[in-house]
Amino acid sequence: LPGGVEVRPLDATASIPPVGDSPFRALNTAFLREGALVRIPRGKVAAPPIGLFFVTAPTQDYAMTHPRVLIELDEAAIATVVEIHTVLCDEEGRFGAHPYLTNAVTDVCLGQSANLTHVKIQTEGSQAYHVAELRATIGRGAAFSSHAHALGSLLSRQDISATFTDEGGECRLYGLQAIAGRQLADTHVVVDHAVPDCTSEVLYKGVFDGQADGVCDGRVFVRHEPNAASGGRSTEFEIGDFLEIGQHDFLGVGFGLFGGEVGHERREEAERLVEGAQLLAVALDRLCDRANHIGAASRDEEAVMLRRPLECGVHRLTHDV
């Protein structure tokens, strides 16, 4: 890593953000025993990507873990952080004799003109309950890209919130839910345009097989007068969206995607696989789309690193189809 770049375990010197009104964040803070700190100083480029692996090992009793990640980028810093949550399990994807809970929290703070790509890949075991929260604050001219992919666990929930603290910021939130059997995956997104002249984009896709269910919903708040004076601000969606215009110069955009059982008829199998492949292709393309600040060689290396866990998860998903 370049000089000055820090990647180390959390300790008492780390500044833990306030709990707020999140009960799972409060639980994570109360039981905080493990985590990682990633700090990129001013003007530094961290290449290749930084990988954080959280692996739950088998146990003879009920298990609960509370991993915490703090990511801080100073002015004009650039980095890609890959956060992977998985489990050591048998060939059937079972973890020990009991269910287990993973309660993960990630906090991101971007300084002026910083650029972060954050990738979260969740391939927990078939008995897992995975709850996660990501909060990002985006400074002046900073760019934040999130790729959240839920492939494992019996029940998973991901809460993602991004807040613009100064003008000129960009926020792009992408995600994939690819689940099967009796799995349930929830994703909830909030983007807060607390200042004008910022850009956000939200793109989430889902592939559900068997009796799997998925939910993706969210809100985008624009806390200033929505007129031409706000030049440069835009919000893009690719899931059924609706628009609400309330009082006090407040504009809110909401969207929702609710999925259920795909069906059991074998004649529909080919159609479902084609649709799933198309959605996965979109997610993979977005996943490997990097900022122009990183060279072509680094992008190739990153693409290989990021595709492998996804391809393993997709193979496991489609194995029984």
C-alpha atoms as a PDB file:
ATOM      1  CA  LEU A   1       0.000   0.000   0.000  1.00  0.00           C
ATOM      2  CA  PRO A   2       1.161   3.594  -0.576  1.00  0.00           C
ATOM      3  CA  GLY A   3       2.799   5.358   2.314  1.00  0.00           C
ATOM      4  CA  GLY A   4       0.363   6.736   4.878  1.00  0.00           C
ATOM      5  CA  VAL A   5      -2.489   4.391   3.934  1.00  0.00           C
ATOM      6  CA  GLU A   6      -3.844   2.640   7.027  1.00  0.00           C
ATOM      7  CA  VAL A   7      -5.610  -0.726   7.086  1.00  0.00           C
ATOM      8  CA  ARG A   8      -5.687  -2.087  10.626  1.00  0.00           C
ATOM      9  CA  PRO A   9      -7.953  -3.496  13.339  1.00  0.00           C
ATOM     10  CA  LEU A  10     -10.149  -1.085  15.248  1.00  0.00           C
ATOM     11  CA  ASP A  11      -8.840   0.070  18.604  1.00  0.00           C
ATOM     12  CA  ALA A  12      -9.690   2.579  21.311  1.00  0.00           C
ATOM     13  CA  THR A  13      -8.387   5.491  19.199  1.00  0.00           C
ATOM     14  CA  ALA A  14     -11.052   5.006  16.518  1.00  0.00           C
ATOM     15  CA  SER A  15     -13.903   7.503  16.471  1.00  0.00           C
ATOM     16  CA  ILE A  16     -17.170   5.542  16.560  1.00  0.00           C
ATOM     17  CA  PRO A  17     -20.117   7.476  15.037  1.00  0.00           C
ATOM     18  CA  PRO A  18     -23.260   8.037  17.140  1.00  0.00           C
ATOM     19  CA  VAL A  19     -25.783   5.209  17.337  1.00  0.00           C
ATOM     20  CA  GLY A  20     -28.800   7.290  16.341  1.00  0.00           C
ATOM     21  CA  ASP A  21     -32.150   5.513  16.217  1.00  0.00           C
ATOM     22  CA  SER A  22     -30.887   2.185  14.823  1.00  0.00           C
ATOM     23  CA  PRO A  23     -31.383  -0.720  17.271  1.00  0.00           C
ATOM     24  CA  PHE A  24     -29.019  -3.033  15.382  1.00  0.00           C
ATOM     25  CA  ARG A  25     -26.322  -0.336  15.286  1.00  0.00           C
ATOM     26  CA  ALA A  26     -26.763   0.048  19.040  1.00  0.00           C
ATOM     27  CA  LEU A  27     -26.375  -3.715  19.450  1.00  0.00           C
ATOM     28  CA  ASN A  28     -23.265  -3.683  17.278  1.00  0.00           C
ATOM     29  CA  THR A  29     -21.739  -0.873  19.326  1.00  0.00           C
ATOM     30  CA  ALA A  30     -22.550  -2.571  22.623  1.00  0.00           C
ATOM     31  CA  PHE A  31     -20.877  -5.835  21.557  1.00  0.00           C
ATOM     32  CA  LEU A  32     -18.113  -4.291  19.460  1.00  0.00           C
ATOM     33  CA  ARG A  33     -15.131  -6.631  19.651  1.00  0.00           C
ATOM     34  CA  GLU A  34     -13.803  -6.788  16.103  1.00  0.00           C
ATOM     35  CA  GLY A  35     -13.586  -4.619  13.047  1.00  0.00           C
ATOM     36  CA  ALA A  36     -11.368  -2.834  10.560  1.00  0.00           C
ATOM     37  CA  LEU A  37     -10.242   0.733   9.984  1.00  0.00           C
ATOM     38  CA  VAL A  38      -9.360   1.929   6.474  1.00  0.00           C
ATOM     39  CA  ARG A  39      -7.913   5.439   6.280  1.00  0.00           C
ATOM     40  CA  ILE A  40      -6.572   6.972   3.050  1.00  0.00           C
ATOM     41  CA  PRO A  41      -4.660  10.264   3.485  1.00  0.00           C
ATOM     42  CA  ARG A  42      -4.924  13.298   1.262  1.00  0.00           C
ATOM     43  CA  GLY A  43      -4.163  12.736  -2.409  1.00  0.00           C
ATOM     44  CA  LYS A  44      -3.270   9.052  -2.053  1.00  0.00           C
ATOM     45  CA  VAL A  45      -4.517   6.322  -4.400  1.00  0.00           C
ATOM     46  CA  ALA A  46      -4.937   2.895  -2.796  1.00  0.00           C
ATOM     47  CA  ALA A  47      -4.437   0.328  -5.570  1.00  0.00           C
ATOM     48  CA  PRO A  48      -5.079  -2.583  -5.919  1.00  0.00           C
ATOM     49  CA  PRO A  49      -8.415  -2.858  -4.068  1.00  0.00           C
ATOM     50  CA  ILE A  50      -8.423  -3.387  -0.305  1.00  0.00           C
ATOM     51  CA  GLY A  51     -10.146  -6.640   0.719  1.00  0.00           C
ATOM     52  CA  LEU A  52     -11.859  -7.143   4.096  1.00  0.00           C
ATOM     53  CA  PHE A  53     -12.964 -10.732   4.762  1.00  0.00           C
ATOM     54  CA  PHE A  54     -15.299 -11.614   7.641  1.00  0.00           C
ATOM     55  CA  VAL A  55     -15.563 -15.395   7.962  1.00  0.00           C
ATOM     56  CA  THR A  56     -17.724 -17.102  10.586  1.00  0.00           C
ATOM     57  CA  ALA A  57     -16.344 -20.447  11.774  1.00  0.00           C
ATOM     58  CA  PRO A  58     -18.484 -23.433  12.882  1.00  0.00           C
ATOM     59  CA  THR A  59     -19.559 -23.632  16.506  1.00  0.00           C
ATOM     60  CA  GLN A  60     -21.481 -26.087  18.689  1.00  0.00           C
ATOM     61  CA  ASP A  61     -23.751 -23.366  20.047  1.00  0.00           C
ATOM     62  CA  TYR A  62     -25.719 -20.358  18.799  1.00  0.00           C
ATOM     63  CA  ALA A  63     -23.363 -17.664  17.492  1.00  0.00           C
ATOM     64  CA  MET A  64     -23.581 -13.895  17.080  1.00  0.00           C
ATOM     65  CA  THR A  65     -20.943 -11.601  15.566  1.00  0.00           C
ATOM     66  CA  HIS A  66     -20.849  -7.812  15.244  1.00  0.00           C
ATOM     67  CA  PRO A  67     -18.200  -6.726  12.703  1.00  0.00           C
ATOM     68  CA  ARG A  68     -17.593  -2.991  12.313  1.00  0.00           C
ATOM     69  CA  VAL A  69     -15.843  -1.209   9.429  1.00  0.00           C
ATOM     70  CA  LEU A  70     -14.746   2.446   9.368  1.00  0.00           C
ATOM     71  CA  ILE A  71     -13.644   3.891   6.021  1.00  0.00           C
ATOM     72  CA  GLU A  72     -12.224   7.421   5.913  1.00  0.00           C
ATOM     73  CA  LEU A  73     -10.898   9.139   2.800  1.00  0.00           C
ATOM     74  CA  ASP A  74      -9.264  12.543   3.073  1.00  0.00           C
ATOM     75  CA  GLU A  75      -9.269  15.178   0.337  1.00  0.00           C
ATOM     76  CA  ALA A  76      -8.696  13.805  -3.203  1.00  0.00           C
ATOM     77  CA  ALA A  77      -8.027  10.282  -1.926  1.00  0.00           C
ATOM     78  CA  ILE A  78      -9.100   7.316  -4.082  1.00  0.00           C
ATOM     79  CA  ALA A  79      -9.792   3.741  -3.023  1.00  0.00           C
ATOM     80  CA  THR A  80     -11.802   0.595  -3.658  1.00  0.00           C
ATOM     81  CA  VAL A  81     -12.794  -1.485  -0.627  1.00  0.00           C
ATOM     82  CA  VAL A  82     -14.253  -4.981  -1.005  1.00  0.00           C
ATOM     83  CA  GLU A  83     -16.128  -6.262   2.051  1.00  0.00           C
ATOM     84  CA  ILE A  84     -16.960  -9.980   1.975  1.00  0.00           C
ATOM     85  CA  HIS A  85     -19.075 -11.801   4.577  1.00  0.00           C
ATOM     86  CA  THR A  86     -19.063 -15.584   4.328  1.00  0.00           C
ATOM     87  CA  VAL A  87     -18.930 -18.773   6.399  1.00  0.00           C
ATOM     88  CA  LEU A  88     -16.993 -22.005   6.705  1.00  0.00           C
ATOM     89  CA  CYS A  89     -19.642 -24.637   6.041  1.00  0.00           C
ATOM     90  CA  ASP A  90     -20.181 -28.143   4.711  1.00  0.00           C
ATOM     91  CA  GLU A  91     -21.078 -29.110   1.128  1.00  0.00           C
ATOM     92  CA  GLU A  92     -24.786 -28.512   1.807  1.00  0.00           C
ATOM     93  CA  GLY A  93     -24.116 -24.982   2.990  1.00  0.00           C
ATOM     94  CA  ARG A  94     -24.964 -25.773   6.630  1.00  0.00           C
ATOM     95  CA  PHE A  95     -23.183 -24.130   9.496  1.00  0.00           C
ATOM     96  CA  GLY A  96     -22.868 -26.288  12.600  1.00  0.00           C
ATOM     97  CA  ALA A  97     -26.049 -27.376  14.352  1.00  0.00           C
ATOM     98  CA  HIS A  98     -27.573 -23.959  15.088  1.00  0.00           C
ATOM     99  CA  PRO A  99     -28.499 -20.742  13.270  1.00  0.00           C
ATOM    100  CA  TYR A 100     -26.224 -17.729  13.684  1.00  0.00           C
ATOM    101  CA  LEU A 101     -26.503 -13.948  13.406  1.00  0.00           C
ATOM    102  CA  THR A 102     -24.158 -11.518  11.672  1.00  0.00           C
ATOM    103  CA  ASN A 103     -24.839  -7.874  12.574  1.00  0.00           C
ATOM    104  CA  ALA A 104     -22.472  -5.752  10.450  1.00  0.00           C
ATOM    105  CA  VAL A 105     -22.065  -1.968  10.434  1.00  0.00           C
ATOM    106  CA  THR A 106     -20.002   0.056   7.961  1.00  0.00           C
ATOM    107  CA  ASP A 107     -19.392   3.818   8.203  1.00  0.00           C
ATOM    108  CA  VAL A 108     -17.952   5.827   5.313  1.00  0.00           C
ATOM    109  CA  CYS A 109     -16.693   9.405   5.484  1.00  0.00           C
ATOM    110  CA  LEU A 110     -15.481  11.087   2.273  1.00  0.00           C
ATOM    111  CA  GLY A 111     -13.555  14.338   2.255  1.00  0.00           C
ATOM    112  CA  GLN A 112     -13.501  16.899  -0.531  1.00  0.00           C
ATOM    113  CA  SER A 113     -13.047  15.353  -4.005  1.00  0.00           C
ATOM    114  CA  ALA A 114     -12.482  11.874  -2.548  1.00  0.00           C
ATOM    115  CA  ASN A 115     -13.539   8.847  -4.603  1.00  0.00           C
ATOM    116  CA  LEU A 116     -14.593   5.537  -3.043  1.00  0.00           C
ATOM    117  CA  THR A 117     -16.001   2.363  -4.551  1.00  0.00           C
ATOM    118  CA  HIS A 118     -17.393   0.080  -1.848  1.00  0.00           C
ATOM    119  CA  VAL A 119     -18.325  -3.505  -2.718  1.00  0.00           C
ATOM    120  CA  LYS A 120     -20.265  -5.666  -0.267  1.00  0.00           C
ATOM    121  CA  ILE A 121     -20.656  -9.378  -1.122  1.00  0.00           C
ATOM    122  CA  GLN A 122     -22.693 -11.505   1.261  1.00  0.00           C
ATOM    123  CA  THR A 123     -22.480 -15.292   0.852  1.00  0.00           C
ATOM    124  CA  GLU A 124     -23.440 -16.461   4.342  1.00  0.00           C
ATOM    125  CA  GLY A 125     -24.570 -20.021   5.112  1.00  0.00           C
ATOM    126  CA  SER A 126     -28.078 -21.441   4.770  1.00  0.00           C
ATOM    127  CA  GLN A 127     -28.802 -21.030   8.507  1.00  0.00           C
ATOM    128  CA  ALA A 128     -27.567 -17.455   8.744  1.00  0.00           C
ATOM    129  CA  TYR A 129     -29.407 -14.273   9.651  1.00  0.00           C
ATOM    130  CA  HIS A 130     -27.460 -11.374   8.184  1.00  0.00           C
ATOM    131  CA  VAL A 131     -28.312  -7.797   9.189  1.00  0.00           C
ATOM    132  CA  ALA A 132     -26.156  -4.944   7.894  1.00  0.00           C
ATOM    133  CA  GLU A 133     -26.120  -1.153   7.849  1.00  0.00           C
ATOM    134  CA  LEU A 134     -24.015   1.202   5.751  1.00  0.00           C
ATOM    135  CA  ARG A 135     -23.910   4.969   6.335  1.00  0.00           C
ATOM    136  CA  ALA A 136     -21.973   7.291   4.039  1.00  0.00           C
ATOM    137  CA  THR A 137     -21.340  11.035   4.311  1.00  0.00           C
ATOM    138  CA  ILE A 138     -20.212  12.616   1.045  1.00  0.00           C
ATOM    139  CA  GLY A 139     -18.198  15.851   1.048  1.00  0.00           C
ATOM    140  CA  ARG A 140     -17.781  18.564  -1.570  1.00  0.00           C
ATOM    141  CA  GLY A 141     -17.143  17.105  -5.020  1.00  0.00           C
ATOM    142  CA  ALA A 142     -16.710  13.594  -3.611  1.00  0.00           C
ATOM    143  CA  ALA A 143     -17.913  10.447  -5.380  1.00  0.00           C
ATOM    144  CA  PHE A 144     -19.311   7.358  -3.667  1.00  0.00           C
ATOM    145  CA  SER A 145     -20.231   4.141  -5.451  1.00  0.00           C
ATOM    146  CA  SER A 146     -21.811   1.228  -3.567  1.00  0.00           C
ATOM    147  CA  HIS A 147     -22.314  -2.316  -4.881  1.00  0.00           C
ATOM    148  CA  ALA A 148     -24.316  -4.445  -2.424  1.00  0.00           C
ATOM    149  CA  HIS A 149     -24.875  -8.071  -3.434  1.00  0.00           C
ATOM    150  CA  ALA A 150     -26.941 -10.517  -1.367  1.00  0.00           C
ATOM    151  CA  LEU A 151     -26.393 -14.133  -2.403  1.00  0.00           C
ATOM    152  CA  GLY A 152     -26.508 -16.092   0.859  1.00  0.00           C
ATOM    153  CA  SER A 153     -28.158 -16.470   4.302  1.00  0.00           C
ATOM    154  CA  LEU A 154     -31.677 -17.594   5.114  1.00  0.00           C
ATOM    155  CA  LEU A 155     -32.720 -14.030   5.917  1.00  0.00           C
ATOM    156  CA  SER A 156     -30.748 -10.908   5.073  1.00  0.00           C
ATOM    157  CA  ARG A 157     -31.415  -7.214   5.465  1.00  0.00           C
ATOM    158  CA  GLN A 158     -29.264  -4.362   4.179  1.00  0.00           C
ATOM    159  CA  ASP A 159     -29.905  -0.713   5.141  1.00  0.00           C
ATOM    160  CA  ILE A 160     -27.942   1.792   3.057  1.00  0.00           C
ATOM    161  CA  SER A 161     -28.006   5.547   3.648  1.00  0.00           C
ATOM    162  CA  ALA A 162     -25.987   8.278   1.959  1.00  0.00           C
ATOM    163  CA  THR A 163     -25.980  11.975   2.864  1.00  0.00           C
ATOM    164  CA  PHE A 164     -24.487  14.840   0.868  1.00  0.00           C
ATOM    165  CA  THR A 165     -22.842  17.332   3.233  1.00  0.00           C
ATOM    166  CA  ASP A 166     -21.609  19.748   0.560  1.00  0.00           C
ATOM    167  CA  GLU A 167     -22.241  20.603  -3.091  1.00  0.00           C
ATOM    168  CA  GLY A 168     -21.013  18.767  -6.165  1.00  0.00           C
ATOM    169  CA  GLY A 169     -21.121  15.243  -4.763  1.00  0.00           C
ATOM    170  CA  GLU A 170     -22.040  12.041  -6.592  1.00  0.00           C
ATOM    171  CA  CYS A 171     -23.659   8.906  -5.182  1.00  0.00           C
ATOM    172  CA  ARG A 172     -24.323   5.721  -7.132  1.00  0.00           C
ATOM    173  CA  LEU A 173     -25.988   2.799  -5.393  1.00  0.00           C
ATOM    174  CA  TYR A 174     -26.112  -0.536  -7.214  1.00  0.00           C
ATOM    175  CA  GLY A 175     -27.141  -3.923  -5.934  1.00  0.00           C
ATOM    176  CA  LEU A 176     -28.168  -7.487  -6.692  1.00  0.00           C
ATOM    177  CA  GLN A 177     -30.367  -9.971  -4.843  1.00  0.00           C
ATOM    178  CA  ALA A 178     -29.804 -13.491  -6.232  1.00  0.00           C
ATOM    179  CA  ILE A 179     -31.441 -16.044  -3.942  1.00  0.00           C
ATOM    180  CA  ALA A 180     -33.273 -19.380  -4.056  1.00  0.00           C
ATOM    181  CA  GLY A 181     -35.171 -21.903  -1.932  1.00  0.00           C
ATOM    182  CA  ARG A 182     -36.792 -20.197   1.069  1.00  0.00           C
ATOM    183  CA  GLN A 183     -34.362 -17.296   1.299  1.00  0.00           C
ATOM    184  CA  LEU A 184     -35.512 -13.742   2.020  1.00  0.00           C
ATOM    185  CA  ALA A 185     -33.473 -10.639   1.112  1.00  0.00           C
ATOM    186  CA  ASP A 186     -34.417  -7.072   2.060  1.00  0.00           C
ATOM    187  CA  THR A 187     -32.670  -3.910   0.879  1.00  0.00           C
ATOM    188  CA  HIS A 188     -33.661  -0.440   2.106  1.00  0.00           C
ATOM    189  CA  VAL A 189     -32.051   2.685   0.665  1.00  0.00           C
ATOM    190  CA  VAL A 190     -32.099   6.349   1.725  1.00  0.00           C
ATOM    191  CA  VAL A 191     -30.304   9.139  -0.164  1.00  0.00           C
ATOM    192  CA  ASP A 192     -30.396  12.621   1.387  1.00  0.00           C
ATOM    193  CA  HIS A 193     -29.670  15.576  -0.918  1.00  0.00           C
ATOM    194  CA  ALA A 194     -29.172  17.897   2.056  1.00  0.00           C
ATOM    195  CA  VAL A 195     -27.412  20.416  -0.236  1.00  0.00           C
ATOM    196  CA  PRO A 196     -27.980  21.416  -3.888  1.00  0.00           C
ATOM    197  CA  ASP A 197     -26.035  20.480  -7.024  1.00  0.00           C
ATOM    198  CA  CYS A 198     -25.527  16.790  -6.273  1.00  0.00           C
ATOM    199  CA  THR A 199     -26.176  13.664  -8.357  1.00  0.00           C
ATOM    200  CA  SER A 200     -27.505  10.283  -7.297  1.00  0.00           C
ATOM    201  CA  GLU A 201     -28.336   7.074  -9.137  1.00  0.00           C
ATOM    202  CA  VAL A 202     -30.038   3.936  -7.787  1.00  0.00           C
ATOM    203  CA  LEU A 203     -30.056   0.591  -9.619  1.00  0.00           C
ATOM    204  CA  TYR A 204     -31.111  -2.688  -7.977  1.00  0.00           C
ATOM    205  CA  LYS A 205     -31.915  -6.030  -9.602  1.00  0.00           C
ATOM    206  CA  GLY A 206     -33.286  -9.287  -8.227  1.00  0.00           C
ATOM    207  CA  VAL A 207     -33.250 -12.932  -9.288  1.00  0.00           C
ATOM    208  CA  PHE A 208     -35.521 -15.195  -7.196  1.00  0.00           C
ATOM    209  CA  ASP A 209     -35.968 -18.936  -7.579  1.00  0.00           C
ATOM    210  CA  GLY A 210     -38.181 -21.425  -5.744  1.00  0.00           C
ATOM    211  CA  GLN A 211     -40.016 -19.813  -2.815  1.00  0.00           C
ATOM    212  CA  ALA A 212     -37.460 -17.041  -2.360  1.00  0.00           C
ATOM    213  CA  ASP A 213     -38.712 -13.526  -1.613  1.00  0.00           C
ATOM    214  CA  GLY A 214     -37.019 -10.178  -2.047  1.00  0.00           C
ATOM    215  CA  VAL A 215     -37.829  -6.577  -1.154  1.00  0.00           C
ATOM    216  CA  CYS A 216     -36.027  -3.435  -2.271  1.00  0.00           C
ATOM    217  CA  ASP A 217     -37.363  -0.009  -1.382  1.00  0.00           C
ATOM    218  CA  GLY A 218     -36.068   3.406  -0.477  1.00  0.00           C
ATOM    219  CA  ARG A 219     -36.405   7.162  -0.365  1.00  0.00           C
ATOM    220  CA  VAL A 220     -34.493  10.025  -1.939  1.00  0.00           C
ATOM    221  CA  PHE A 221     -34.843  13.405  -0.219  1.00  0.00           C
ATOM    222  CA  VAL A 222     -34.062  16.725  -1.866  1.00  0.00           C
ATOM    223  CA  ARG A 223     -34.017  19.353   0.874  1.00  0.00           C
ATOM    224  CA  HIS A 224     -33.977  22.491  -1.272  1.00  0.00           C
ATOM    225  CA  GLU A 225     -36.192  24.176  -3.833  1.00  0.00           C
ATOM    226  CA  PRO A 226     -36.417  21.954  -6.948  1.00  0.00           C
ATOM    227  CA  ASN A 227     -35.927  24.534  -9.672  1.00  0.00           C
ATOM    228  CA  ALA A 228     -33.390  25.551 -12.309  1.00  0.00           C
ATOM    229  CA  ALA A 229     -31.258  27.317  -9.687  1.00  0.00           C
ATOM    230  CA  SER A 230     -30.217  23.883  -8.450  1.00  0.00           C
ATOM    231  CA  GLY A 231     -28.369  23.238 -11.725  1.00  0.00           C
ATOM    232  CA  GLY A 232     -26.520  19.972 -12.087  1.00  0.00           C
ATOM    233  CA  ARG A 233     -28.662  17.962  -9.687  1.00  0.00           C
ATOM    234  CA  SER A 234     -30.257  14.791 -10.970  1.00  0.00           C
ATOM    235  CA  THR A 235     -31.653  11.575  -9.601  1.00  0.00           C
ATOM    236  CA  GLU A 236     -32.001   8.403 -11.662  1.00  0.00           C
ATOM    237  CA  PHE A 237     -33.836   5.177 -10.871  1.00  0.00           C
ATOM    238  CA  GLU A 238     -34.356   1.867 -12.549  1.00  0.00           C
ATOM    239  CA  ILE A 239     -37.094   0.448 -10.351  1.00  0.00           C
ATOM    240  CA  GLY A 240     -40.770   1.475 -10.415  1.00  0.00           C
ATOM    241  CA  ASP A 241     -40.622   4.960  -8.980  1.00  0.00           C
ATOM    242  CA  PHE A 242     -43.145   7.503  -7.833  1.00  0.00           C
ATOM    243  CA  LEU A 243     -42.843  11.173  -7.056  1.00  0.00           C
ATOM    244  CA  GLU A 244     -44.118  13.129  -4.085  1.00  0.00           C
ATOM    245  CA  ILE A 245     -43.932  16.901  -3.784  1.00  0.00           C
ATOM    246  CA  GLY A 246     -44.767  18.183  -0.315  1.00  0.00           C
ATOM    247  CA  GLN A 247     -44.564  21.484   1.532  1.00  0.00           C
ATOM    248  CA  HIS A 248     -41.560  23.492   2.734  1.00  0.00           C
ATOM    249  CA  ASP A 249     -39.614  23.205  -0.545  1.00  0.00           C
ATOM    250  CA  PHE A 250     -39.179  19.516   0.086  1.00  0.00           C
ATOM    251  CA  LEU A 251     -39.144  16.911  -2.646  1.00  0.00           C
ATOM    252  CA  GLY A 252     -39.111  13.186  -1.995  1.00  0.00           C
ATOM    253  CA  VAL A 253     -38.778  10.332  -4.438  1.00  0.00           C
ATOM    254  CA  GLY A 254     -39.627   6.798  -3.423  1.00  0.00           C
ATOM    255  CA  PHE A 255     -39.204   3.476  -5.170  1.00  0.00           C
ATOM    256  CA  GLY A 256     -39.976  -0.118  -4.437  1.00  0.00           C
ATOM    257  CA  LEU A 257     -39.417  -3.609  -5.791  1.00  0.00           C
ATOM    258  CA  PHE A 258     -41.184  -6.605  -4.285  1.00  0.00           C
ATOM    259  CA  GLY A 259     -40.458 -10.108  -5.525  1.00  0.00           C
ATOM    260  CA  GLY A 260     -41.908 -13.483  -4.757  1.00  0.00           C
ATOM    261  CA  GLU A 261     -41.948 -17.035  -6.021  1.00  0.00           C
ATOM    262  CA  VAL A 262     -40.892 -17.384  -9.648  1.00  0.00           C
ATOM    263  CA  GLY A 263     -42.826 -20.576 -10.322  1.00  0.00           C
ATOM    264  CA  HIS A 264     -42.261 -24.312 -10.622  1.00  0.00           C
ATOM    265  CA  GLU A 265     -43.264 -25.036 -14.220  1.00  0.00           C
ATOM    266  CA  ARG A 266     -40.316 -26.498 -16.114  1.00  0.00           C
ATOM    267  CA  ARG A 267     -41.424 -24.773 -19.308  1.00  0.00           C
ATOM    268  CA  GLU A 268     -40.639 -21.457 -17.640  1.00  0.00           C
ATOM    269  CA  GLU A 269     -37.140 -22.533 -16.659  1.00  0.00           C
ATOM    270  CA  ALA A 270     -35.375 -21.307 -19.809  1.00  0.00           C
ATOM    271  CA  GLU A 271     -37.083 -17.915 -19.637  1.00  0.00           C
ATOM    272  CA  ARG A 272     -36.172 -17.485 -15.991  1.00  0.00           C
ATOM    273  CA  LEU A 273     -32.528 -18.380 -16.600  1.00  0.00           C
ATOM    274  CA  VAL A 274     -32.272 -15.937 -19.507  1.00  0.00           C
ATOM    275  CA  GLU A 275     -33.783 -13.130 -17.440  1.00  0.00           C
ATOM    276  CA  GLY A 276     -31.511 -13.955 -14.532  1.00  0.00           C
ATOM    277  CA  ALA A 277     -28.429 -13.944 -16.752  1.00  0.00           C
ATOM    278  CA  GLN A 278     -29.382 -10.540 -18.122  1.00  0.00           C
ATOM    279  CA  LEU A 279     -29.810  -9.072 -14.649  1.00  0.00           C
ATOM    280  CA  LEU A 280     -26.550 -10.578 -13.432  1.00  0.00           C
ATOM    281  CA  ALA A 281     -24.754  -9.181 -16.470  1.00  0.00           C
ATOM    282  CA  VAL A 282     -26.012  -5.675 -15.658  1.00  0.00           C
ATOM    283  CA  ALA A 283     -24.880  -5.992 -12.041  1.00  0.00           C
ATOM    284  CA  LEU A 284     -21.445  -7.338 -13.000  1.00  0.00           C
ATOM    285  CA  ASP A 285     -20.932  -4.576 -15.556  1.00  0.00           C
ATOM    286  CA  ARG A 286     -21.760  -1.908 -12.985  1.00  0.00           C
ATOM    287  CA  LEU A 287     -19.606  -3.652 -10.396  1.00  0.00           C
ATOM    288  CA  CYS A 288     -16.498  -3.466 -12.590  1.00  0.00           C
ATOM    289  CA  ASP A 289     -17.062   0.119 -13.792  1.00  0.00           C
ATOM    290  CA  ARG A 290     -14.321   2.144 -12.064  1.00  0.00           C
ATOM    291  CA  ALA A 291     -13.259   5.778 -11.898  1.00  0.00           C
ATOM    292  CA  ASN A 292     -10.892   7.004 -14.611  1.00  0.00           C
ATOM    293  CA  HIS A 293      -8.294   7.767 -11.951  1.00  0.00           C
ATOM    294  CA  ILE A 294      -7.294   4.081 -11.810  1.00  0.00           C
ATOM    295  CA  GLY A 295      -5.154   2.655 -14.643  1.00  0.00           C
ATOM    296  CA  ALA A 296      -6.301  -0.090 -16.989  1.00  0.00           C
ATOM    297  CA  ALA A 297      -4.056  -2.726 -15.375  1.00  0.00           C
ATOM    298  CA  SER A 298      -5.550  -2.037 -11.953  1.00  0.00           C
ATOM    299  CA  ARG A 299      -9.077  -2.272 -13.351  1.00  0.00           C
ATOM    300  CA  ASP A 300      -8.354  -5.707 -14.838  1.00  0.00           C
ATOM    301  CA  GLU A 301      -6.988  -6.954 -11.530  1.00  0.00           C
ATOM    302  CA  GLU A 302      -9.977  -5.550  -9.693  1.00  0.00           C
ATOM    303  CA  ALA A 303     -12.453  -7.142 -12.095  1.00  0.00           C
ATOM    304  CA  VAL A 304     -10.980 -10.596 -11.448  1.00  0.00           C
ATOM    305  CA  MET A 305     -11.029 -10.058  -7.690  1.00  0.00           C
ATOM    306  CA  LEU A 306     -14.636  -8.908  -7.615  1.00  0.00           C
ATOM    307  CA  ARG A 307     -16.104 -11.382 -10.080  1.00  0.00           C
ATOM    308  CA  ARG A 308     -14.874 -14.554  -8.393  1.00  0.00           C
ATOM    309  CA  PRO A 309     -17.048 -14.368  -5.226  1.00  0.00           C
ATOM    310  CA  LEU A 310     -20.062 -13.377  -7.322  1.00  0.00           C
ATOM    311  CA  GLU A 311     -19.574 -16.210  -9.790  1.00  0.00           C
ATOM    312  CA  CYS A 312     -19.257 -18.720  -6.909  1.00  0.00           C
ATOM    313  CA  GLY A 313     -22.476 -17.414  -5.374  1.00  0.00           C
ATOM    314  CA  VAL A 314     -24.339 -17.508  -8.673  1.00  0.00           C
ATOM    315  CA  HIS A 315     -23.120 -21.076  -9.304  1.00  0.00           C
ATOM    316  CA  ARG A 316     -24.457 -22.114  -5.903  1.00  0.00           C
ATOM    317  CA  LEU A 317     -27.738 -20.332  -6.624  1.00  0.00           C
ATOM    318  CA  THR A 318     -28.330 -22.059  -9.976  1.00  0.00           C
ATOM    319  CA  HIS A 319     -26.949 -25.493  -9.061  1.00  0.00           C
ATOM    320  CA  ASP A 320     -30.364 -27.013  -8.286  1.00  0.00           C
ATOM    321  CA  VAL A 321     -32.325 -25.336 -11.094  1.00  0.00           C
END
